[in-house]
C-alpha atoms as a PDB file:
ATOM      1  CA  THR A   1      24.267 -21.842 -59.771  1.00  0.00           C
ATOM      2  CA  VAL A   2      23.862 -20.283 -56.303  1.00  0.00           C
ATOM      3  CA  LEU A   3      20.380 -19.516 -54.976  1.00  0.00           C
ATOM      4  CA  ALA A   4      19.747 -17.151 -52.032  1.00  0.00           C
ATOM      5  CA  ASN A   5      16.300 -16.679 -50.498  1.00  0.00           C
ATOM      6  CA  SER A   6      15.282 -14.431 -47.644  1.00  0.00           C
ATOM      7  CA  ASN A   7      11.792 -13.776 -46.267  1.00  0.00           C
ATOM      8  CA  VAL A   8      10.766 -11.375 -43.490  1.00  0.00           C
ATOM      9  CA  ALA A   9       7.222 -11.294 -42.100  1.00  0.00           C
ATOM     10  CA  LEU A  10       5.818  -8.707 -39.712  1.00  0.00           C
ATOM     11  CA  ASN A  11       2.560  -8.915 -37.773  1.00  0.00           C
ATOM     12  CA  TRP A  12       1.598  -5.728 -35.912  1.00  0.00           C
ATOM     13  CA  VAL A  13      -1.560  -5.520 -33.815  1.00  0.00           C
ATOM     14  CA  ILE A  14      -2.902  -1.990 -34.208  1.00  0.00           C
ATOM     15  CA  PHE A  15      -6.124  -2.488 -32.230  1.00  0.00           C
ATOM     16  CA  ASP A  16      -6.899  -5.068 -29.518  1.00  0.00           C
ATOM     17  CA  GLY A  17      -9.963  -3.534 -27.915  1.00  0.00           C
ATOM     18  CA  LYS A  18      -7.719  -1.440 -25.606  1.00  0.00           C
ATOM     19  CA  ARG A  19      -6.676  -4.586 -23.781  1.00  0.00           C
ATOM     20  CA  MET A  20      -3.054  -3.439 -23.823  1.00  0.00           C
ATOM     21  CA  PHE A  21      -3.931  -0.280 -21.865  1.00  0.00           C
ATOM     22  CA  ALA A  22      -5.960  -2.235 -19.318  1.00  0.00           C
ATOM     23  CA  THR A  23      -3.080  -4.682 -18.814  1.00  0.00           C
ATOM     24  CA  TYR A  24      -0.607  -1.843 -18.378  1.00  0.00           C
ATOM     25  CA  GLU A  25      -2.896  -0.170 -15.840  1.00  0.00           C
ATOM     26  CA  ARG A  26      -3.288  -3.430 -13.894  1.00  0.00           C
ATOM     27  CA  LEU A  27       0.458  -4.043 -13.761  1.00  0.00           C
ATOM     28  CA  GLN A  28       1.123  -0.486 -12.628  1.00  0.00           C
ATOM     29  CA  GLU A  29      -1.442  -0.795  -9.842  1.00  0.00           C
ATOM     30  CA  LEU A  30      -0.057  -4.190  -8.803  1.00  0.00           C
ATOM     31  CA  GLN A  31       3.379  -2.621  -8.390  1.00  0.00           C
ATOM     32  CA  SER A  32       1.904   0.245  -6.393  1.00  0.00           C
ATOM     33  CA  MET A  33      -0.048  -2.162  -4.181  1.00  0.00           C
ATOM     34  CA  GLY A  34       3.123  -4.172  -3.554  1.00  0.00           C
ATOM     35  CA  GLU A  35       4.833  -1.030  -2.269  1.00  0.00           C
ATOM     36  CA  LEU A  36       1.847  -0.306  -0.026  1.00  0.00           C
ATOM     37  CA  GLN A  37       1.943  -3.848   1.360  1.00  0.00           C
ATOM     38  CA  VAL A  38       5.603  -3.389   2.300  1.00  0.00           C
ATOM     39  CA  LYS A  39       4.707  -0.088   3.967  1.00  0.00           C
ATOM     40  CA  SER A  40       1.849  -1.801   5.814  1.00  0.00           C
ATOM     41  CA  ALA A  41       4.205  -4.496   7.122  1.00  0.00           C
ATOM     42  CA  VAL A  42       6.620  -1.839   8.406  1.00  0.00           C
ATOM     43  CA  GLU A  43       3.790   0.068  10.078  1.00  0.00           C
ATOM     44  CA  LYS A  44       2.553  -3.114  11.772  1.00  0.00           C
ATOM     45  CA  THR A  45       6.032  -3.820  13.119  1.00  0.00           C
ATOM     46  CA  VAL A  46       6.326  -0.268  14.488  1.00  0.00           C
ATOM     47  CA  TYR A  47       2.860  -0.617  16.057  1.00  0.00           C
ATOM     48  CA  ASP A  48       3.725  -3.969  17.649  1.00  0.00           C
ATOM     49  CA  VAL A  49       7.022  -2.615  19.030  1.00  0.00           C
ATOM     50  CA  SER A  50       5.300   0.479  20.444  1.00  0.00           C
ATOM     51  CA  LEU A  51       2.516  -1.611  21.987  1.00  0.00           C
ATOM     52  CA  SER A  52       5.014  -3.973  23.612  1.00  0.00           C
ATOM     53  CA  TYR A  53       7.001  -0.996  24.943  1.00  0.00           C
ATOM     54  CA  PHE A  54       3.919   0.605  26.503  1.00  0.00           C
ATOM     55  CA  ASN A  55       2.862  -2.761  27.959  1.00  0.00           C
ATOM     56  CA  ILE A  56       6.207  -3.065  29.735  1.00  0.00           C
ATOM     57  CA  VAL A  57       5.930   0.491  31.067  1.00  0.00           C
ATOM     58  CA  SER A  58       2.435  -0.251  32.369  1.00  0.00           C
ATOM     59  CA  LEU A  59       3.523  -3.535  33.973  1.00  0.00           C
ATOM     60  CA  GLN A  60       6.478  -1.818  35.630  1.00  0.00           C
ATOM     61  CA  LEU A  61       4.237   0.889  37.089  1.00  0.00           C
ATOM     62  CA  GLN A  62       1.929  -1.805  38.432  1.00  0.00           C
ATOM     63  CA  LEU A  63       4.943  -3.544  39.976  1.00  0.00           C
ATOM     64  CA  GLU A  64       5.910  -0.323  41.739  1.00  0.00           C
ATOM     65  CA  ALA A  65       2.413  -0.121  43.221  1.00  0.00           C
ATOM     66  CA  ILE A  66       2.655  -3.756  44.356  1.00  0.00           C
ATOM     67  CA  GLU A  67       6.038  -3.068  45.996  1.00  0.00           C
ATOM     68  CA  LYS A  68       4.522  -0.198  47.971  1.00  0.00           C
ATOM     69  CA  ASN A  69       1.608  -2.394  49.044  1.00  0.00           C
ATOM     70  CA  ILE A  70       4.091  -5.050  50.174  1.00  0.00           C
ATOM     71  CA  GLU A  71       5.880  -2.465  52.334  1.00  0.00           C
ATOM     72  CA  ILE A  72       2.566  -1.486  53.899  1.00  0.00           C
ATOM     73  CA  SER A  73       1.618  -5.143  54.355  1.00  0.00           C
ATOM     74  CA  ALA A  74       4.983  -5.909  55.995  1.00  0.00           C
ATOM     75  CA  GLU A  75       4.536  -3.037  58.471  1.00  0.00           C
ATOM     76  CA  ARG A  76       1.016  -4.248  59.248  1.00  0.00           C
ATOM     77  CA  LEU A  77       2.336  -7.778  59.831  1.00  0.00           C
ATOM     78  CA  LYS A  78       4.955  -6.480  62.258  1.00  0.00           C
ATOM     79  CA  LEU A  79       2.337  -4.431  64.073  1.00  0.00           C
ATOM     80  CA  GLU A  80      -0.128  -7.313  64.382  1.00  0.00           C
ATOM     81  CA  ASN A  81       2.575  -9.681  65.620  1.00  0.00           C
ATOM     82  CA  ALA A  82       3.679  -7.105  68.200  1.00  0.00           C
ATOM     83  CA  ARG A  83       0.099  -6.525  69.318  1.00  0.00           C
ATOM     84  CA  PHE A  84      -0.447 -10.282  69.614  1.00  0.00           C
ATOM     85  CA  GLU A  85       2.707 -10.715  71.699  1.00  0.00           C
ATOM     86  CA  VAL A  86       1.600  -8.093  74.232  1.00  0.00           C
ATOM     87  CA  GLY A  87      -1.920  -9.441  74.283  1.00  0.00           C
ATOM     88  CA  LYS A  88      -3.598  -6.511  72.561  1.00  0.00           C
ATOM     89  CA  SER A  89      -4.711  -8.548  69.512  1.00  0.00           C
ATOM     90  CA  ASN A  90      -5.801 -12.081  68.793  1.00  0.00           C
ATOM     91  CA  GLN A  91      -3.932 -14.639  66.688  1.00  0.00           C
ATOM     92  CA  LEU A  92      -6.506 -14.410  63.903  1.00  0.00           C
ATOM     93  CA  ALA A  93      -5.527 -10.804  63.083  1.00  0.00           C
ATOM     94  CA  ALA A  94      -1.848 -11.752  62.930  1.00  0.00           C
ATOM     95  CA  LYS A  95      -2.558 -14.709  60.650  1.00  0.00           C
ATOM     96  CA  GLN A  96      -4.684 -12.557  58.370  1.00  0.00           C
ATOM     97  CA  ALA A  97      -1.857 -10.035  58.120  1.00  0.00           C
ATOM     98  CA  GLN A  98       0.519 -12.876  57.239  1.00  0.00           C
ATOM     99  CA  LEU A  99      -1.848 -14.150  54.550  1.00  0.00           C
ATOM    100  CA  ASP A 100      -2.167 -10.667  53.054  1.00  0.00           C
ATOM    101  CA  TYR A 101       1.615 -10.288  52.999  1.00  0.00           C
ATOM    102  CA  ASN A 102       2.077 -13.683  51.317  1.00  0.00           C
ATOM    103  CA  ALA A 103      -0.564 -12.827  48.700  1.00  0.00           C
ATOM    104  CA  MET A 104       1.151  -9.536  47.848  1.00  0.00           C
ATOM    105  CA  SER A 105       4.528 -11.286  47.590  1.00  0.00           C
ATOM    106  CA  SER A 106       3.019 -13.856  45.217  1.00  0.00           C
ATOM    107  CA  GLN A 107       1.504 -11.054  43.166  1.00  0.00           C
ATOM    108  CA  ARG A 108       4.923  -9.426  42.890  1.00  0.00           C
ATOM    109  CA  THR A 109       6.431 -12.673  41.550  1.00  0.00           C
ATOM    110  CA  THR A 110       3.645 -12.962  38.973  1.00  0.00           C
ATOM    111  CA  GLN A 111       4.131  -9.350  37.909  1.00  0.00           C
ATOM    112  CA  ILE A 112       7.882  -9.815  37.442  1.00  0.00           C
ATOM    113  CA  ASN A 113       7.207 -12.878  35.286  1.00  0.00           C
ATOM    114  CA  LEU A 114       4.763 -10.881  33.144  1.00  0.00           C
ATOM    115  CA  ILE A 115       7.399  -8.174  32.621  1.00  0.00           C
ATOM    116  CA  ASN A 116      10.013 -10.758  31.632  1.00  0.00           C
ATOM    117  CA  ILE A 117       7.615 -12.374  29.155  1.00  0.00           C
ATOM    118  CA  GLU A 118       6.816  -9.014  27.562  1.00  0.00           C
ATOM    119  CA  LYS A 119      10.534  -8.240  27.317  1.00  0.00           C
ATOM    120  CA  VAL A 120      11.010 -11.487  25.400  1.00  0.00           C
ATOM    121  CA  VAL A 121       8.230 -10.398  23.037  1.00  0.00           C
ATOM    122  CA  LEU A 122       9.912  -7.018  22.472  1.00  0.00           C
ATOM    123  CA  ASN A 123      13.288  -8.644  21.837  1.00  0.00           C
ATOM    124  CA  GLN A 124      11.672 -10.924  19.255  1.00  0.00           C
ATOM    125  CA  LEU A 125      10.055  -7.959  17.521  1.00  0.00           C
ATOM    126  CA  LEU A 126      13.447  -6.237  17.417  1.00  0.00           C
ATOM    127  CA  THR A 127      14.990  -9.485  16.071  1.00  0.00           C
ATOM    128  CA  ARG A 128      17.359  -9.730  19.014  1.00  0.00           C
ATOM    129  CA  GLU A 129      18.275 -12.633  21.293  1.00  0.00           C
ATOM    130  CA  VAL A 130      15.282 -13.192  23.582  1.00  0.00           C
ATOM    131  CA  GLU A 131      17.502 -12.983  26.672  1.00  0.00           C
ATOM    132  CA  THR A 132      18.995  -9.599  25.726  1.00  0.00           C
ATOM    133  CA  PRO A 133      18.739  -7.441  28.877  1.00  0.00           C
ATOM    134  CA  PHE A 134      17.499  -3.866  28.660  1.00  0.00           C
ATOM    135  CA  ILE A 135      15.949  -1.170  30.824  1.00  0.00           C
ATOM    136  CA  ILE A 136      12.873   0.790  29.760  1.00  0.00           C
ATOM    137  CA  SER A 137      12.208   4.300  30.980  1.00  0.00           C
ATOM    138  CA  ASP A 138       8.774   4.828  32.482  1.00  0.00           C
ATOM    139  CA  THR A 139       8.530   8.276  30.949  1.00  0.00           C
ATOM    140  CA  ILE A 140       6.075   8.547  28.066  1.00  0.00           C
ATOM    141  CA  ILE A 141       6.020  11.852  26.196  1.00  0.00           C
ATOM    142  CA  LEU A 142       2.511  12.548  24.921  1.00  0.00           C
ATOM    143  CA  GLN A 143       1.900  14.488  21.732  1.00  0.00           C
ATOM    144  CA  PRO A 144      -0.549  17.411  21.655  1.00  0.00           C
ATOM    145  CA  ILE A 145      -4.116  16.170  21.302  1.00  0.00           C
ATOM    146  CA  LEU A 146      -5.676  17.079  17.943  1.00  0.00           C
ATOM    147  CA  ASP A 147      -9.362  17.666  17.447  1.00  0.00           C
ATOM    148  CA  ILE A 148     -11.424  14.673  16.368  1.00  0.00           C
ATOM    149  CA  GLU A 149     -12.130  15.938  12.835  1.00  0.00           C
ATOM    150  CA  THR A 150      -8.431  16.471  12.142  1.00  0.00           C
ATOM    151  CA  LEU A 151      -7.691  12.973  13.434  1.00  0.00           C
ATOM    152  CA  LYS A 152     -10.390  11.474  11.186  1.00  0.00           C
ATOM    153  CA  THR A 153      -9.080  13.282   8.111  1.00  0.00           C
ATOM    154  CA  THR A 154      -5.480  12.281   8.824  1.00  0.00           C
ATOM    155  CA  ALA A 155      -6.448   8.670   9.499  1.00  0.00           C
ATOM    156  CA  LEU A 156      -8.378   8.347   6.235  1.00  0.00           C
ATOM    157  CA  LYS A 157      -5.580   9.933   4.190  1.00  0.00           C
ATOM    158  CA  SER A 158      -2.719   7.920   5.676  1.00  0.00           C
ATOM    159  CA  ASN A 159      -4.467   4.598   6.304  1.00  0.00           C
ATOM    160  CA  THR A 160      -2.358   2.138   4.323  1.00  0.00           C
ATOM    161  CA  GLU A 161      -4.891  -0.683   4.583  1.00  0.00           C
ATOM    162  CA  LEU A 162      -7.568   1.524   3.024  1.00  0.00           C
ATOM    163  CA  GLN A 163      -5.159   2.466   0.248  1.00  0.00           C
ATOM    164  CA  ILE A 164      -4.480  -1.234  -0.407  1.00  0.00           C
ATOM    165  CA  LEU A 165      -8.224  -1.886  -0.639  1.00  0.00           C
ATOM    166  CA  GLU A 166      -8.569   0.983  -3.114  1.00  0.00           C
ATOM    167  CA  LYS A 167      -5.727  -0.427  -5.216  1.00  0.00           C
ATOM    168  CA  SER A 168      -7.349  -3.850  -5.120  1.00  0.00           C
ATOM    169  CA  THR A 169     -10.565  -2.330  -6.470  1.00  0.00           C
ATOM    170  CA  ILE A 170      -8.705  -0.571  -9.282  1.00  0.00           C
ATOM    171  CA  ILE A 171      -6.869  -3.804 -10.178  1.00  0.00           C
ATOM    172  CA  SER A 172     -10.162  -5.703 -10.308  1.00  0.00           C
ATOM    173  CA  GLU A 173     -11.612  -3.038 -12.579  1.00  0.00           C
ATOM    174  CA  ALA A 174      -8.568  -3.222 -14.858  1.00  0.00           C
ATOM    175  CA  SER A 175      -8.867  -7.016 -15.008  1.00  0.00           C
ATOM    176  CA  LEU A 176     -12.512  -6.622 -15.976  1.00  0.00           C
ATOM    177  CA  LYS A 177     -11.496  -4.229 -18.745  1.00  0.00           C
ATOM    178  CA  GLU A 178      -9.052  -6.860 -20.052  1.00  0.00           C
ATOM    179  CA  VAL A 179     -11.800  -9.465 -20.156  1.00  0.00           C
ATOM    180  CA  LYS A 180     -14.180  -7.114 -21.966  1.00  0.00           C
ATOM    181  CA  ALA A 181     -11.455  -6.061 -24.406  1.00  0.00           C
ATOM    182  CA  ALA A 182     -10.916  -9.690 -25.374  1.00  0.00           C
ATOM    183  CA  LYS A 183     -14.462  -9.722 -26.790  1.00  0.00           C
ATOM    184  CA  TYR A 184     -13.672  -6.987 -29.326  1.00  0.00           C
ATOM    185  CA  PRO A 185     -12.195  -7.850 -32.730  1.00  0.00           C
ATOM    186  CA  THR A 186      -8.457  -7.524 -33.164  1.00  0.00           C
ATOM    187  CA  ILE A 187      -7.076  -5.545 -36.106  1.00  0.00           C
ATOM    188  CA  SER A 188      -3.595  -6.507 -37.249  1.00  0.00           C
ATOM    189  CA  LEU A 189      -1.289  -5.190 -39.944  1.00  0.00           C
ATOM    190  CA  ASN A 190       0.627  -7.868 -41.805  1.00  0.00           C
ATOM    191  CA  THR A 191       3.495  -7.225 -44.170  1.00  0.00           C
ATOM    192  CA  ALA A 192       6.128  -9.419 -45.728  1.00  0.00           C
ATOM    193  CA  TYR A 193       9.320  -8.914 -47.634  1.00  0.00           C
ATOM    194  CA  GLY A 194      10.931 -11.490 -49.870  1.00  0.00           C
ATOM    195  CA  TYR A 195      14.360 -11.480 -51.393  1.00  0.00           C
ATOM    196  CA  ASN A 196      15.609 -13.868 -54.050  1.00  0.00           C
ATOM    197  CA  GLN A 197      19.006 -13.914 -55.683  1.00  0.00           C
ATOM    198  CA  THR A 198      20.332 -16.257 -58.332  1.00  0.00           C
ATOM    199  CA  ILE A 199      23.949 -16.308 -59.380  1.00  0.00           C
ATOM    200  CA  ASN A 200      24.817 -18.255 -62.522  1.00  0.00           C
ATOM    201  CA  SER A 201      28.380 -19.311 -62.949  1.00  0.00           C
ATOM    202  CA  ASP A 202      29.835 -20.059 -66.348  1.00  0.00           C
END
């Protein structure tokens, strides 16, 4: 005699207090927020690179002004020394001119160091070797200035951080829905199928 038994059981939840929909909504918003966080990281990198670039331009312009002041200070030093030699000026004026020249020269050295430090920062932001040499143009092309209301509207619409905060609020609300849904009764549909076969051999 050969016996064969087979049983299949099925449990299907047909109502769970809408928890399934809340979970789906939360997962969808989490994915969307993840994409926004990546976008935010890219925007921050672009901002940091732009800021470093403009800092270098500004420091270079300041260095140019210092160089011009050094030229003026050098001419003044020559003049005061010449005046002192012919007896038309006292030694104090010549020493003061020398001190001014030395101070401007020291300021130039400090400014060059600041530029080099900022160039290291920019190389790091661009994921390059920190000693990579490069030259930055001092020309900055300005975009047309928009009116303040247009700027406000654009900023609110495209502000990624605000969008992330909004997504976070939606996710919290969806999580709250899940918790509330768990308090409702669950309705399930159960079904089973059994199969029995007996084979008698002579």
